[in-house]
Every structure is written in structure tokens, then in C-alpha cells.
Amino acid sequence: EVVRIINEPTAASLAYGLDKSGEHKVMVFDLGGGTLDVTILEFGEGIFEVKSTSGDTQLGGTDMDAAIIDWIVEEFKKQEGIDLKKDTMATQRVREAAEKAKIELSNVLSTDINLPYITVDQAGSGPKHLSLNMTRAKLESLIAPIVQRCVHPMEQAMKDAKMKKDDIKKIILVGGPTRMPVIQKFVEDFIGADKVAKGVDPMECVATGASIQGGVLAGDVKDLLLLDVTPLTLGIETLGSVATPLITRNSTIPTKKSQMFSTAADSQTAVTIHVIQGERPMANDNTSLGMFNLVGIPPAPRGVPQIEVTFDIDANGILNVTAKDHGTGKEQKITISATTKLSKDQIDKMVKEAEKFSDEDKKKKEEVEARNTADSLVYTTEKTLADLKDKITPEQKEKIEPALKALKDAVSGKDTEKIKQESENLSKAIQEIGASIYQQPGAQAGAGAGPAPGFDGGADSASESTEEGASEHRKHKKKGKGGKEDAIDAEYKVEDEKK
């Protein structure tokens, strides 16, 4: 019976920290056969909190074995003129010998590699024997490039945790390769010799930590709380396939986040919530976790309905997503248990892809958001002209209509900068009209006829998702033509803009 799943670095930290007093910021350096995982945790008074995780899924002891194998094969080729890699059985024997030599050189300065009858000379001179001596210095020179690759994951983990080397009080070594003197020296040089924990067995601390967590769940261990983190960002798809995050990567779980959204079309009676996971700014480039519909929304102008979307993720990584219409009280929900089922390889691949395509994604997102803003501005302007037609002078109308047409023409094209410029021009024009309307007698009554000119109509939401104090527009849609059908429009406004 599986009661709780915890990752290896967290388990190692449990084994290390149980009998420690005071507060600690610890880095767990977990170098295994095929992967490197670097985790930073903060713990004290029985509470363990994962601050960040990073790693390399193509870095480990097998890479070191491969470097030794290449050296053995090359040396034998120099001696006998035979390439052992062409012989499958010989290659397997060399691989086993390479791993054995690597382990032995953790305790001795040199070792002999002897493989009798490794192959047969095709010229008929009989069987060949492999006999080489390998020193620890030679091993360290062969794997130096591999060891150097450990730097980036360690730096990335500290960056994600917003910490510096001086903030790390201890570093725990986990995994067989960390028994190698060259790895221990590398870690000591990087983080400080006095910070490396010596009392934890790299091969046993994970199992020990898992046992401790089992004791917590069984009630045998008291006053210990384990807080893990989300491996990837969780959010929803918004208008134009933009990914709107609700719970960001490396957020401590359990956690709960809510955000207010609204409709993107007049008389819209249903919305589709598409839950996604990943670091890319465009929803289509992320992993789809599921979707559901919220129906029965009373017909109203776009932006008026208030729909609260809540993400609630528990300690086991199970995500509950709820969408509630505040007008009717109707709600729908979905439970997703696969948020932590991605392998370490998949998670790291998604993070690296986000970094690789960051410039391209940023450009694409800017284009979509520019179009979203322009579309909202066109809607607001047309509604303002209709609602306040008695208060707008012919001169003002002649000034705003060309700007409105210019923006519509720009949206039909592909020039993002043109869309931004025309949006700014129209925004200025309609704000001038709004200012003049408020100066007219009876402006108070007129203002109540519709949204204030220059601002989008919509949910006067209490969302906390303001970005640098700026008004931000995000819209959620079901994938459809033009992004108009089955969409919800998230609108965030700062208080100063509402006054």
C-alpha cells in the first residue's frame, strides 16, 4: 500500500535533519547512475520546505563509465590495433571492468584492469589479453568535463531559491558517485569544505528518510512537517492560446490560489476551463492536464460575469480545480492526480525547452496580447460611442472614428508594432473624450451609462494578479475559430485606475 510518495532529495534531508537543532538551508547533491538532482531545502523546528529543484537527466555515473571505456578501448587499440567496440561481448566485459575500476579508485590511488582472452586476432595470431594500469589522477582527468557539468544545475537551484552560496549552511551528498574523492573535492570547492555533511551515508540516507516519513504518517514520529514543491507551473489557457499561471513552478505545496475571470463575448452562457502544466507562455506548447465546462451563466455583456477559478493542490500533488460563477453560485470542478507523474526527464526537458524558446515565445505572446488588448479596446470604444452618443460632439466623433478604423485595419494585418501604435493612438483619443465628458454638466449620470472611456468594461475583480501595477488583460478560451467562442476574459485593474 502506497501511502505517500516523496522524492529522494527530500528523503535524504529528512535523514539528515531529524536530530539537528536550529534552522538550516541545505543543498542536496544527488548524483546517481544516470541523473543529477540538486535540491535546496530550508528546515527547522520540525518543518521541511523544498525551495527549489534543478538537475541534469543526462549526467551520472554511466557517463563516467563511458569515458573510462573509451580510454580502455583506445589504449588497447594502440597496443594491438584492434577496436574492441566492434565486439559486443568484449565491450560488455570492458564496461564491467570500467565500473569496477571507478569504484576501486575511490579508495586506492591506482588499480589494474586485467581482461584475459578479451578478443581474438583475425590474422590468426591467437587470443589477446587486456592488461592496463589506471591511476586515480588519470580517472579524474578523464571525467573532468563531466564533473564540470555539475556547476550549472547547482547554480540554477540557488537562483530558483533566490539564495547565494553563503546562504547554504550544509550540503548533503547522495548517490554512489559522490563517494569519489574528485566529486567530494568539487563540491567542497564550490560550496565550502566545512559545509559538506560527513555523517550521512550517501547510499542509505534516502531509505532512512523514507522510513522517517513513514513514521510520521503512522503517527510514530511527532512534530515533523514535510513541505514539497510543484515541479512545473500550473495554469489555464487564455484567449489567443496564452498560458495564464495560477501556481508557479517551485511553489510550496500544499497550496491554494484563486483568480477572478470574466466572459470575452456578449451574452456568453458557458466557459471552458483548460488546465495546463508547463513553463512556456503559450498554452499549446505545454502539457494538457484536463478541461471542463461551466454552463448556465446568465447572458450579460462581456466582462460583467465574475467567474472565480481556484487551484487547490494537496501534499500528494493532487490538484483540484474549481470554477464558480458568483452571480448564480453554480460551480464545476475537476480533480487531477497526474500533476506529479511526469518523470524527471520530462520535467527537465520542459524547463530546458522554455529556456531554449524564450525569445520566440516572448515575441509570440506579445503579438497575442497586443491583439487581445486591441480587440478589447475596439469593443470598449464602440460601446462608448453607442452609450454616450448624446454627449460626444461631431468634432470628437470625427477624431475618434479614423483612429478606430486604423486599429481595426492594423489588427487584420500581421504587424505587431503597428497594432500597438494604433492601440495607443485610439486609447489617447478616447481618453480625451472621457475627460471632456466628465467636465460637462450632468457628467455623473452620463458616466453610469457604461464603462469609463479608456478602460475595458468587465469584472471589477479583486484578483491579486496585478503585474507591476499595470492593467492587464488575460482571456480564457476553448480552442475555436478566432478565439471568440466559449471564452472567459480575465481582467485585472489596479485601484488607482478605477478611481
Protein backbone atom coordinates (compact mmCIF):
# COMPACT_ATOMS: atom_id res chain seq x y z
CA GLU A 1 0.00 0.00 0.00
CA VAL A 2 1.48 3.34 -1.11
CA VAL A 3 0.64 6.00 1.48
CA ARG A 4 2.87 8.87 0.36
CA ILE A 5 5.43 9.45 -2.39
CA ILE A 6 8.41 11.69 -1.65
CA ASN A 7 11.42 12.44 -3.83
CA GLU A 8 14.90 11.21 -2.99
CA PRO A 9 16.48 14.58 -2.05
CA THR A 10 13.63 15.29 0.34
CA ALA A 11 14.04 11.86 1.95
CA ALA A 12 17.79 12.43 2.30
CA SER A 13 17.14 15.73 4.05
CA LEU A 14 14.78 14.03 6.47
CA ALA A 15 17.54 11.59 7.42
CA TYR A 16 20.00 14.44 7.91
CA GLY A 17 17.83 16.95 9.72
CA LEU A 18 15.82 14.97 12.20
CA ASP A 19 18.28 15.31 15.06
CA LYS A 20 19.51 18.80 14.19
CA SER A 21 18.54 21.93 16.07
CA GLY A 22 18.08 25.42 14.73
CA GLU A 23 17.30 26.49 11.18
CA HIS A 24 19.17 25.15 8.16
CA LYS A 25 19.33 25.91 4.46
CA VAL A 26 20.55 22.70 2.87
CA MET A 27 21.56 21.71 -0.64
CA VAL A 28 21.11 18.04 -1.56
CA PHE A 29 23.54 16.96 -4.28
CA ASP A 30 22.14 13.68 -5.62
CA LEU A 31 24.41 12.19 -8.28
CA GLY A 32 23.24 8.77 -9.38
CA GLY A 33 24.00 6.40 -12.20
CA GLY A 34 22.20 8.40 -14.87
CA THR A 35 20.96 11.70 -13.43
CA LEU A 36 21.99 14.61 -11.24
CA ASP A 37 19.37 16.18 -8.96
CA VAL A 38 20.11 19.31 -6.95
CA THR A 39 17.55 20.35 -4.34
CA ILE A 40 17.61 23.22 -1.86
CA LEU A 41 15.58 22.90 1.32
CA GLU A 42 15.00 25.05 4.35
CA PHE A 43 14.11 23.41 7.62
CA GLY A 44 13.93 23.96 11.33
CA GLU A 45 11.64 23.24 14.26
CA GLY A 46 10.38 20.10 12.55
CA ILE A 47 9.33 21.79 9.30
CA PHE A 48 10.99 20.84 5.99
CA GLU A 49 10.33 23.08 2.99
CA VAL A 50 11.65 22.48 -0.53
CA LYS A 51 12.73 25.82 -2.00
CA SER A 52 13.89 24.70 -5.46
CA THR A 53 14.94 21.75 -7.59
CA SER A 54 17.22 21.51 -10.62
CA GLY A 55 19.25 18.85 -12.38
CA ASP A 56 20.59 17.17 -15.48
CA THR A 57 18.96 13.97 -16.68
CA GLN A 58 21.95 13.06 -18.85
CA LEU A 59 24.65 13.26 -16.20
CA GLY A 60 25.76 10.50 -13.85
CA GLY A 61 27.99 7.54 -13.14
CA THR A 62 27.30 5.92 -16.51
CA ASP A 63 28.82 8.95 -18.24
CA MET A 64 31.98 8.40 -16.20
CA ASP A 65 31.95 4.72 -17.14
CA ALA A 66 31.69 5.69 -20.81
CA ALA A 67 34.76 7.94 -20.52
CA ILE A 68 36.76 5.12 -18.92
CA ILE A 69 35.57 2.65 -21.58
CA ASP A 70 36.71 4.99 -24.35
CA TRP A 71 40.14 5.26 -22.72
CA ILE A 72 40.50 1.47 -22.31
CA VAL A 73 39.41 0.81 -25.89
CA GLU A 74 41.79 3.46 -27.23
CA GLU A 75 44.74 2.11 -25.21
CA PHE A 76 44.07 -1.46 -26.37
CA LYS A 77 43.80 -0.26 -29.96
CA LYS A 78 47.22 1.39 -29.65
CA GLN A 79 48.71 -1.84 -28.31
CA GLU A 80 47.05 -4.43 -30.52
CA GLY A 81 45.49 -2.48 -33.39
CA ILE A 82 42.06 -3.95 -32.59
CA ASP A 83 38.88 -1.93 -31.96
CA LEU A 84 37.04 -3.66 -29.12
CA LYS A 85 33.85 -1.67 -29.76
CA LYS A 86 33.21 -3.84 -32.80
CA ASP A 87 32.95 -6.86 -30.50
CA THR A 88 29.73 -6.82 -28.43
CA MET A 89 30.87 -9.35 -25.84
CA ALA A 90 34.25 -7.65 -25.43
CA THR A 91 32.56 -4.28 -24.99
CA GLN A 92 30.38 -5.67 -22.20
CA ARG A 93 33.43 -7.02 -20.36
CA VAL A 94 35.19 -3.67 -20.75
CA ARG A 95 32.11 -1.87 -19.38
CA GLU A 96 32.08 -4.07 -16.27
CA ALA A 97 35.82 -3.56 -15.78
CA ALA A 98 35.46 0.22 -16.17
CA GLU A 99 32.80 0.41 -13.48
CA LYS A 100 34.88 -1.79 -11.16
CA ALA A 101 37.96 0.40 -11.68
CA LYS A 102 35.95 3.56 -10.98
CA ILE A 103 34.72 2.16 -7.67
CA GLU A 104 38.16 0.89 -6.62
CA LEU A 105 39.82 4.24 -7.36
CA SER A 106 37.64 5.87 -4.73
CA ASN A 107 39.74 4.04 -2.13
CA VAL A 108 43.13 3.45 -3.81
CA LEU A 109 45.45 5.56 -5.95
CA SER A 110 45.81 3.02 -8.77
CA THR A 111 44.25 -0.22 -9.97
CA ASP A 112 44.97 -2.88 -12.56
CA ILE A 113 42.49 -3.74 -15.30
CA ASN A 114 43.00 -7.33 -16.44
CA LEU A 115 40.74 -8.98 -19.01
CA PRO A 116 42.25 -12.23 -20.32
CA TYR A 117 41.08 -13.56 -23.66
CA ILE A 118 39.30 -10.30 -24.44
CA THR A 119 39.30 -10.97 -28.17
CA VAL A 120 40.94 -12.96 -30.98
CA ASP A 121 43.19 -11.55 -33.66
CA GLN A 122 41.59 -12.07 -37.06
CA ALA A 123 45.07 -12.62 -38.53
CA GLY A 124 45.25 -15.88 -36.63
CA SER A 125 47.85 -14.97 -34.03
CA GLY A 126 45.65 -16.28 -31.23
CA PRO A 127 43.74 -14.74 -28.31
CA LYS A 128 44.53 -11.29 -26.98
CA HIS A 129 44.65 -10.22 -23.35
CA LEU A 130 43.95 -6.73 -21.97
CA SER A 131 46.16 -5.52 -19.15
CA LEU A 132 46.27 -1.86 -18.13
CA ASN A 133 47.07 0.16 -15.04
CA MET A 134 44.83 3.11 -14.25
CA THR A 135 45.61 5.79 -11.68
CA ARG A 136 43.17 7.99 -9.80
CA ALA A 137 44.77 11.02 -11.46
CA LYS A 138 44.04 9.55 -14.89
CA LEU A 139 40.45 8.84 -13.93
CA GLU A 140 39.98 12.38 -12.67
CA SER A 141 41.37 13.85 -15.90
CA LEU A 142 39.01 11.68 -17.97
CA ILE A 143 35.88 12.69 -16.08
CA ALA A 144 36.80 16.37 -15.53
CA PRO A 145 34.39 17.61 -18.26
CA ILE A 146 31.60 15.52 -16.71
CA VAL A 147 32.26 16.91 -13.24
CA GLN A 148 32.26 20.46 -14.62
CA ARG A 149 28.73 19.93 -15.96
CA CYS A 150 27.53 19.76 -12.35
CA VAL A 151 28.05 23.51 -11.94
CA HIS A 152 25.01 24.72 -13.89
CA PRO A 153 22.36 22.67 -12.01
CA MET A 154 23.79 23.86 -8.68
CA GLU A 155 23.77 27.49 -9.77
CA GLN A 156 20.26 27.13 -11.21
CA ALA A 157 18.93 25.65 -7.97
CA MET A 158 20.35 28.56 -5.98
CA LYS A 159 18.94 31.05 -8.48
CA ASP A 160 15.46 29.50 -8.26
CA ALA A 161 15.65 29.52 -4.46
CA LYS A 162 16.88 33.14 -4.51
CA MET A 163 19.91 32.16 -2.46
CA LYS A 164 23.67 32.61 -2.64
CA LYS A 165 26.45 30.22 -1.67
CA ASP A 166 26.81 31.93 1.69
CA ASP A 167 23.15 31.16 2.45
CA ILE A 168 23.74 27.39 2.18
CA LYS A 169 24.73 26.02 5.58
CA LYS A 170 25.10 22.36 4.68
CA ILE A 171 25.30 20.19 1.57
CA ILE A 172 24.26 16.55 1.63
CA LEU A 173 25.84 14.09 -0.81
CA VAL A 174 23.59 11.33 -2.14
CA GLY A 175 24.37 8.56 -4.62
CA GLY A 176 27.27 6.21 -5.33
CA PRO A 177 29.40 8.61 -7.44
CA THR A 178 29.53 11.10 -4.56
CA ARG A 179 31.88 8.68 -2.77
CA MET A 180 34.54 9.56 -5.35
CA PRO A 181 37.19 11.95 -3.96
CA VAL A 182 37.06 14.08 -7.12
CA ILE A 183 33.32 14.68 -6.67
CA GLN A 184 33.72 15.48 -2.98
CA LYS A 185 36.54 17.93 -3.74
CA PHE A 186 34.47 19.57 -6.48
CA VAL A 187 31.55 20.10 -4.10
CA GLU A 188 33.86 21.39 -1.36
CA ASP A 189 35.49 23.87 -3.76
CA PHE A 190 32.09 25.04 -4.97
CA ILE A 191 30.23 25.43 -1.68
CA GLY A 192 32.90 25.26 1.04
CA ALA A 193 34.70 22.33 2.67
CA ASP A 194 33.19 23.00 6.08
CA LYS A 195 29.64 22.74 4.69
CA VAL A 196 29.77 19.17 3.38
CA ALA A 197 27.88 16.80 5.69
CA LYS A 198 30.10 13.86 6.57
CA GLY A 199 27.77 11.87 8.81
CA VAL A 200 25.28 10.79 6.17
CA ASP A 201 25.79 7.58 4.19
CA PRO A 202 25.12 8.50 0.53
CA MET A 203 23.71 5.04 -0.17
CA GLU A 204 21.45 4.75 2.89
CA CYS A 205 20.12 8.21 3.71
CA VAL A 206 17.27 8.07 1.16
CA ALA A 207 15.90 4.84 2.62
CA THR A 208 16.34 6.23 6.13
CA GLY A 209 14.44 9.39 5.24
CA ALA A 210 11.62 7.42 3.65
CA SER A 211 11.35 5.37 6.85
CA ILE A 212 11.12 8.56 8.90
CA GLN A 213 8.33 9.89 6.70
CA GLY A 214 6.57 6.56 7.08
CA GLY A 215 6.83 7.03 10.82
CA VAL A 216 5.26 10.48 10.52
CA LEU A 217 2.30 9.13 8.53
CA ALA A 218 1.86 6.28 11.01
CA GLY A 219 1.89 8.71 13.91
CA ASP A 220 5.07 7.29 15.40
CA VAL A 221 7.13 10.43 14.69
CA LYS A 222 5.77 13.72 16.01
CA ASP A 223 6.48 17.40 15.31
CA LEU A 224 7.72 16.89 11.76
CA LEU A 225 6.15 18.53 8.71
CA LEU A 226 7.34 17.97 5.14
CA LEU A 227 6.60 20.66 2.54
CA ASP A 228 7.36 19.75 -1.09
CA VAL A 229 7.13 21.92 -4.22
CA THR A 230 5.38 21.83 -7.58
CA PRO A 231 7.80 20.71 -10.31
CA LEU A 232 6.14 22.81 -13.04
CA THR A 233 3.82 25.81 -13.33
CA LEU A 234 0.07 25.11 -13.31
CA GLY A 235 -2.41 27.39 -15.04
CA ILE A 236 -5.17 27.75 -17.63
CA GLU A 237 -5.34 28.54 -21.32
CA THR A 238 -6.49 32.07 -22.10
CA LEU A 239 -7.63 33.93 -25.22
CA GLY A 240 -5.16 33.55 -28.06
CA SER A 241 -3.72 30.36 -26.50
CA VAL A 242 -1.84 32.36 -23.86
CA ALA A 243 -0.93 30.38 -20.73
CA THR A 244 -2.08 32.17 -17.56
CA PRO A 245 -0.27 30.77 -14.48
CA LEU A 246 -2.02 30.30 -11.15
CA ILE A 247 0.51 28.18 -9.24
CA THR A 248 4.09 28.83 -10.35
CA ARG A 249 6.93 26.31 -10.51
CA ASN A 250 8.67 25.56 -7.20
CA SER A 251 5.66 26.75 -5.17
CA THR A 252 5.47 25.04 -1.78
CA ILE A 253 2.65 22.52 -1.51
CA PRO A 254 0.04 22.18 -0.20
CA THR A 255 -1.16 25.50 -1.64
CA LYS A 256 -4.32 27.18 -2.89
CA LYS A 257 -4.66 30.06 -5.37
CA SER A 258 -7.77 31.80 -6.71
CA GLN A 259 -8.18 34.27 -9.54
CA MET A 260 -11.17 36.15 -10.96
CA PHE A 261 -12.08 35.88 -14.65
CA SER A 262 -14.94 37.07 -16.83
CA THR A 263 -16.52 36.41 -20.23
CA ALA A 264 -14.97 37.59 -23.50
CA ALA A 265 -18.17 37.82 -25.56
CA ASP A 266 -21.60 39.37 -25.05
CA SER A 267 -24.36 37.01 -23.89
CA GLN A 268 -21.89 34.19 -23.29
CA THR A 269 -23.54 31.45 -21.21
CA ALA A 270 -20.72 28.90 -20.90
CA VAL A 271 -16.95 28.81 -20.50
CA THR A 272 -14.36 26.06 -20.87
CA ILE A 273 -11.55 25.77 -18.34
CA HIS A 274 -8.47 24.14 -19.91
CA VAL A 275 -5.89 23.20 -17.24
CA ILE A 276 -2.26 23.10 -18.40
CA GLN A 277 1.17 22.42 -16.93
CA GLY A 278 4.49 23.81 -18.13
CA GLU A 279 6.80 26.79 -18.40
CA ARG A 280 6.01 28.01 -21.93
CA PRO A 281 3.99 31.25 -22.26
CA MET A 282 1.78 29.76 -24.98
CA ALA A 283 -0.72 27.11 -23.86
CA ASN A 284 -0.31 24.87 -26.91
CA ASP A 285 3.37 24.33 -26.04
CA ASN A 286 2.54 23.00 -22.56
CA THR A 287 1.04 19.74 -21.29
CA SER A 288 -2.75 19.49 -21.14
CA LEU A 289 -3.98 18.05 -17.82
CA GLY A 290 -7.72 18.25 -18.49
CA MET A 291 -10.65 20.55 -19.20
CA PHE A 292 -14.24 21.06 -18.10
CA ASN A 293 -17.20 23.36 -18.82
CA LEU A 294 -19.05 25.79 -16.58
CA VAL A 295 -22.55 26.29 -18.01
CA GLY A 296 -25.65 28.25 -17.03
CA ILE A 297 -24.04 31.69 -16.87
CA PRO A 298 -26.77 34.36 -17.26
CA PRO A 299 -26.45 36.29 -20.57
CA ALA A 300 -24.69 39.59 -19.94
CA PRO A 301 -22.28 42.00 -21.66
CA ARG A 302 -18.71 40.74 -21.90
CA GLY A 303 -16.71 41.37 -18.77
CA VAL A 304 -19.71 41.55 -16.44
CA PRO A 305 -19.95 37.95 -15.09
CA GLN A 306 -17.46 37.16 -12.36
CA ILE A 307 -16.05 33.64 -12.52
CA GLU A 308 -13.63 32.58 -9.80
CA VAL A 309 -11.14 29.85 -10.75
CA THR A 310 -9.42 28.12 -7.82
CA PHE A 311 -6.42 25.79 -7.92
CA ASP A 312 -6.02 23.70 -4.75
CA ILE A 313 -3.11 21.24 -4.65
CA ASP A 314 -2.56 18.94 -1.65
CA ALA A 315 0.58 17.45 -0.12
CA ASN A 316 0.42 14.48 -2.52
CA GLY A 317 0.38 16.73 -5.57
CA ILE A 318 -3.31 16.08 -6.34
CA LEU A 319 -4.86 19.17 -7.95
CA ASN A 320 -8.49 20.23 -7.55
CA VAL A 321 -9.64 22.93 -9.97
CA THR A 322 -12.95 24.72 -9.33
CA ALA A 323 -14.76 27.33 -11.43
CA LYS A 324 -17.60 29.24 -9.74
CA ASP A 325 -19.97 31.84 -11.19
CA HIS A 326 -20.52 34.40 -8.44
CA GLY A 327 -23.79 35.54 -9.99
CA THR A 328 -25.61 32.20 -9.79
CA GLY A 329 -23.43 30.28 -7.36
CA LYS A 330 -23.05 27.47 -9.92
CA GLU A 331 -19.72 25.68 -9.95
CA GLN A 332 -17.89 22.83 -11.64
CA LYS A 333 -14.69 21.10 -10.62
CA ILE A 334 -12.11 18.60 -11.80
CA THR A 335 -9.58 16.51 -9.85
CA ILE A 336 -6.20 15.86 -11.49
CA SER A 337 -3.84 13.38 -9.90
CA ALA A 338 -1.19 13.40 -12.63
CA THR A 339 0.48 16.72 -11.82
CA THR A 340 3.50 14.95 -10.32
CA LYS A 341 3.51 11.85 -12.51
CA LEU A 342 5.93 13.33 -15.05
CA SER A 343 9.37 11.78 -14.92
CA LYS A 344 12.42 13.84 -14.00
CA ASP A 345 13.50 13.62 -17.65
CA GLN A 346 10.20 15.06 -18.85
CA ILE A 347 10.23 17.88 -16.30
CA ASP A 348 13.79 18.90 -17.12
CA LYS A 349 13.06 18.70 -20.84
CA MET A 350 10.10 21.07 -20.46
CA VAL A 351 12.15 23.54 -18.42
CA LYS A 352 15.00 23.47 -20.95
CA GLU A 353 12.58 23.95 -23.84
CA ALA A 354 11.15 27.00 -22.09
CA GLU A 355 14.66 28.44 -21.83
CA LYS A 356 15.54 27.50 -25.41
CA PHE A 357 12.46 29.07 -26.97
CA SER A 358 12.13 32.00 -24.54
CA ASP A 359 12.79 34.72 -27.14
CA GLU A 360 10.48 33.15 -29.71
CA ASP A 361 7.75 32.57 -27.11
CA LYS A 362 8.04 36.13 -25.81
CA LYS A 363 7.54 37.52 -29.30
CA LYS A 364 4.55 35.25 -29.91
CA LYS A 365 2.97 36.16 -26.57
CA GLU A 366 3.47 39.89 -27.19
CA GLU A 367 1.70 39.55 -30.53
CA VAL A 368 -1.26 37.70 -29.00
CA GLU A 369 -1.56 40.11 -26.08
CA ALA A 370 -1.34 43.10 -28.43
CA ARG A 371 -4.24 41.67 -30.44
CA ASN A 372 -6.20 40.89 -27.27
CA THR A 373 -5.71 44.43 -25.99
CA ALA A 374 -6.64 45.90 -29.37
CA ASP A 375 -9.78 43.74 -29.58
CA SER A 376 -10.83 44.82 -26.11
CA LEU A 377 -10.15 48.47 -26.93
CA VAL A 378 -12.22 48.28 -30.13
CA TYR A 379 -15.11 46.76 -28.18
CA THR A 380 -14.89 49.40 -25.45
CA THR A 381 -14.69 52.25 -27.96
CA GLU A 382 -17.69 51.08 -29.97
CA LYS A 383 -19.70 50.59 -26.77
CA THR A 384 -18.71 54.03 -25.52
CA LEU A 385 -19.71 55.68 -28.80
CA ALA A 386 -23.09 53.95 -28.64
CA ASP A 387 -23.78 54.57 -24.95
CA LEU A 388 -22.59 58.18 -24.85
CA LYS A 389 -23.57 59.33 -28.33
CA ASP A 390 -25.58 62.27 -26.94
CA LYS A 391 -22.54 63.60 -25.08
CA ILE A 392 -19.97 63.22 -27.88
CA THR A 393 -19.63 66.18 -30.23
CA PRO A 394 -19.34 65.71 -34.03
CA GLU A 395 -15.76 67.01 -33.85
CA GLN A 396 -14.87 64.38 -31.25
CA LYS A 397 -16.56 61.67 -33.29
CA GLU A 398 -14.62 62.71 -36.41
CA LYS A 399 -11.41 62.40 -34.39
CA ILE A 400 -12.08 59.01 -32.88
CA GLU A 401 -13.62 57.16 -35.84
CA PRO A 402 -10.45 57.32 -38.03
CA ALA A 403 -8.39 56.07 -35.08
CA LEU A 404 -10.87 53.23 -34.57
CA LYS A 405 -10.72 52.25 -38.25
CA ALA A 406 -6.92 52.43 -38.25
CA LEU A 407 -6.77 50.00 -35.31
CA LYS A 408 -9.20 47.58 -36.98
CA ASP A 409 -7.06 47.65 -40.13
CA ALA A 410 -3.91 47.04 -38.07
CA VAL A 411 -5.48 44.04 -36.30
CA SER A 412 -6.29 42.48 -39.67
CA GLY A 413 -2.58 42.64 -40.54
CA LYS A 414 0.48 40.97 -39.01
CA ASP A 415 2.49 44.00 -37.83
CA THR A 416 2.53 43.80 -34.02
CA GLU A 417 4.21 47.18 -33.60
CA LYS A 418 1.55 48.76 -35.83
CA ILE A 419 -1.18 47.24 -33.64
CA LYS A 420 0.48 48.62 -30.50
CA GLN A 421 0.87 52.08 -32.03
CA GLU A 422 -2.72 52.28 -33.27
CA SER A 423 -3.97 50.99 -29.91
CA GLU A 424 -2.09 53.78 -28.18
CA ASN A 425 -3.50 56.36 -30.62
CA LEU A 426 -7.08 55.18 -30.09
CA SER A 427 -6.61 54.98 -26.33
CA LYS A 428 -5.44 58.60 -26.21
CA ALA A 429 -8.33 59.74 -28.39
CA ILE A 430 -10.99 58.07 -26.27
CA GLN A 431 -9.40 59.25 -23.03
CA GLU A 432 -9.62 62.85 -24.28
CA ILE A 433 -13.33 62.33 -24.92
CA GLY A 434 -13.76 60.81 -21.48
CA ALA A 435 -12.08 63.80 -19.86
CA SER A 436 -14.36 66.24 -21.71
CA ILE A 437 -17.47 64.25 -20.77
CA TYR A 438 -16.65 64.44 -17.06
CA GLN A 439 -16.33 68.21 -17.40
CA GLN A 440 -19.86 68.51 -18.80
CA PRO A 441 -22.87 69.27 -16.56
CA GLY A 442 -24.57 66.03 -15.50
CA ALA A 443 -21.41 64.01 -16.07
CA GLN A 444 -22.19 61.85 -13.05
CA ALA A 445 -25.34 60.49 -14.66
CA GLY A 446 -23.67 60.03 -18.00
CA ALA A 447 -20.80 58.10 -16.58
CA GLY A 448 -23.14 55.47 -15.27
CA ALA A 449 -24.26 54.58 -18.76
CA GLY A 450 -21.28 52.36 -19.41
CA PRO A 451 -17.65 51.68 -18.70
CA ALA A 452 -15.43 54.70 -18.24
CA PRO A 453 -13.89 55.68 -21.58
CA GLY A 454 -10.37 54.39 -21.96
CA PHE A 455 -10.91 51.37 -19.68
CA ASP A 456 -12.25 47.96 -20.53
CA GLY A 457 -15.65 47.10 -19.18
CA GLY A 458 -15.65 43.94 -17.14
CA ALA A 459 -15.34 42.34 -13.77
CA ASP A 460 -14.24 44.82 -11.17
CA SER A 461 -12.32 41.90 -9.78
CA ALA A 462 -10.46 41.62 -6.53
CA SER A 463 -7.83 39.49 -8.23
CA GLU A 464 -4.34 39.73 -6.77
CA SER A 465 -2.82 39.20 -10.19
CA THR A 466 -1.74 42.76 -10.96
CA GLU A 467 1.61 42.90 -12.71
CA GLU A 468 3.86 45.81 -11.71
CA GLY A 469 0.80 47.92 -11.05
CA ALA A 470 -0.31 47.77 -14.67
CA SER A 471 -3.75 46.98 -16.04
CA GLU A 472 -3.51 43.51 -17.54
CA HIS A 473 -5.94 41.64 -19.76
CA ARG A 474 -5.96 37.88 -19.95
CA LYS A 475 -8.67 35.83 -21.61
CA HIS A 476 -9.53 32.16 -21.39
CA LYS A 477 -10.99 30.32 -24.34
CA LYS A 478 -11.87 26.93 -25.64
CA LYS A 479 -9.83 26.38 -28.79
CA GLY A 480 -12.01 27.66 -31.58
CA LYS A 481 -12.06 29.84 -34.62
CA GLY A 482 -10.97 33.38 -33.87
CA GLY A 483 -10.73 32.67 -30.18
CA LYS A 484 -14.23 34.12 -29.60
CA GLU A 485 -16.27 31.08 -28.72
CA ASP A 486 -16.54 29.70 -25.19
CA ALA A 487 -14.01 32.12 -23.74
CA ILE A 488 -13.54 33.79 -20.41
CA ASP A 489 -11.76 37.09 -20.13
CA ALA A 490 -9.63 37.77 -17.07
CA GLU A 491 -9.31 41.45 -16.36
CA TYR A 492 -7.09 42.87 -13.64
CA LYS A 493 -7.10 46.57 -12.74
CA VAL A 494 -5.18 48.49 -10.11
CA GLU A 495 -7.20 50.59 -7.69
CA ASP A 496 -5.81 53.90 -8.97
CA GLU A 497 -7.19 53.20 -12.42
CA LYS A 498 -10.67 52.65 -11.08
CA LYS A 499 -10.86 55.97 -9.30
